Amino acid sequence: MWSRRAQEYETKINSGDPVAIAEVLRDLKRSNDDTEQSYSERQIYQSALERLAREVAAVEKITDEKAAERLEKMLKKEVKTAKKAA
């Protein structure tokens, strides 16, 4: 089951579609906060974060690192909001 889901995540990341990449980040961030992530989950999460950060950095004309920080901050906020609603 995980290998199929991992392959779906990789396909979304490699699609280059920012929305699809953001979905991967969202899904893996949620599972990260609920339980400890496996090595492969962390690798996929990091790959998606780097890919989306490059897109955001290009649009916002900021560094990749700053874009990654912004994305992480937004993800933390989204997870907290989702937990409050549950």
Protein backbone atom coordinates (compact mmCIF):
# COMPACT_ATOMS: atom_id res chain seq x y z
CA MET A 1 0.00 0.00 0.00
CA TRP A 2 2.72 2.50 0.93
CA SER A 3 4.70 1.74 -2.24
CA ARG A 4 1.67 2.56 -4.39
CA ARG A 5 1.03 5.78 -2.48
CA ALA A 6 4.72 6.69 -2.67
CA GLN A 7 4.65 6.17 -6.42
CA GLU A 8 1.57 8.42 -6.69
CA TYR A 9 3.38 11.09 -4.69
CA GLU A 10 6.45 10.83 -6.93
CA THR A 11 4.25 11.14 -10.02
CA LYS A 12 2.64 14.29 -8.62
CA ILE A 13 6.02 15.80 -7.74
CA ASN A 14 7.47 15.01 -11.17
CA SER A 15 4.40 16.43 -12.92
CA GLY A 16 5.63 19.92 -12.11
CA ASP A 17 2.07 20.98 -11.24
CA PRO A 18 2.36 23.25 -8.18
CA VAL A 19 -1.10 22.25 -6.95
CA ALA A 20 -0.27 18.54 -7.14
CA ILE A 21 3.04 19.12 -5.34
CA ALA A 22 1.25 21.13 -2.65
CA GLU A 23 -1.15 18.20 -2.16
CA VAL A 24 1.81 15.90 -1.48
CA LEU A 25 3.20 18.37 1.05
CA ARG A 26 -0.17 18.70 2.75
CA ASP A 27 -0.74 14.97 2.95
CA LEU A 28 2.72 14.15 4.27
CA LYS A 29 2.71 17.06 6.71
CA ARG A 30 -0.55 15.82 8.23
CA SER A 31 0.82 12.33 8.69
CA ASN A 32 4.05 13.78 10.07
CA ASP A 33 2.20 15.55 12.86
CA ASP A 34 0.13 12.48 13.74
CA THR A 35 2.91 9.90 13.78
CA GLU A 36 6.60 9.66 13.14
CA GLN A 37 7.41 9.60 9.43
CA SER A 38 9.44 6.84 7.84
CA TYR A 39 12.67 7.64 6.04
CA SER A 40 11.00 7.34 2.64
CA GLU A 41 8.14 9.65 3.69
CA ARG A 42 10.66 12.26 4.84
CA GLN A 43 12.55 11.93 1.55
CA ILE A 44 9.41 12.41 -0.53
CA TYR A 45 8.29 15.32 1.66
CA GLN A 46 11.69 16.99 1.28
CA SER A 47 11.66 16.46 -2.49
CA ALA A 48 8.20 18.03 -2.78
CA LEU A 49 9.17 20.93 -0.52
CA GLU A 50 12.29 21.69 -2.55
CA ARG A 51 10.41 21.50 -5.86
CA LEU A 52 7.60 23.78 -4.72
CA ALA A 53 10.02 26.16 -2.98
CA ARG A 54 11.86 26.66 -6.29
CA GLU A 55 8.56 27.57 -7.97
CA VAL A 56 7.60 30.01 -5.20
CA ALA A 57 11.10 31.50 -5.15
CA ALA A 58 10.99 32.18 -8.88
CA VAL A 59 7.60 33.87 -8.69
CA GLU A 60 8.31 35.86 -5.52
CA LYS A 61 11.94 36.62 -6.48
CA ILE A 62 13.28 35.28 -3.17
CA THR A 63 15.75 32.54 -2.29
CA ASP A 64 14.74 28.90 -2.32
CA GLU A 65 15.46 28.74 1.41
CA LYS A 66 13.17 31.67 2.19
CA ALA A 67 10.43 30.15 0.04
CA ALA A 68 10.79 26.81 1.88
CA GLU A 69 10.50 28.63 5.21
CA ARG A 70 7.30 30.33 4.05
CA LEU A 71 5.83 27.04 2.87
CA GLU A 72 6.67 25.30 6.16
CA LYS A 73 5.09 28.14 8.11
CA MET A 74 1.92 27.96 6.00
CA LEU A 75 1.75 24.18 6.40
CA LYS A 76 2.07 24.40 10.18
CA LYS A 77 -0.72 26.95 10.27
CA GLU A 78 -2.94 24.78 8.04
CA VAL A 79 -2.40 21.69 10.19
CA LYS A 80 -3.27 23.61 13.38
CA THR A 81 -6.45 24.95 11.76
CA ALA A 82 -7.45 21.47 10.60
CA LYS A 83 -6.94 20.03 14.08
CA LYS A 84 -9.10 22.75 15.66
CA ALA A 85 -11.89 22.05 13.17
CA ALA A 86 -11.82 18.30 13.92
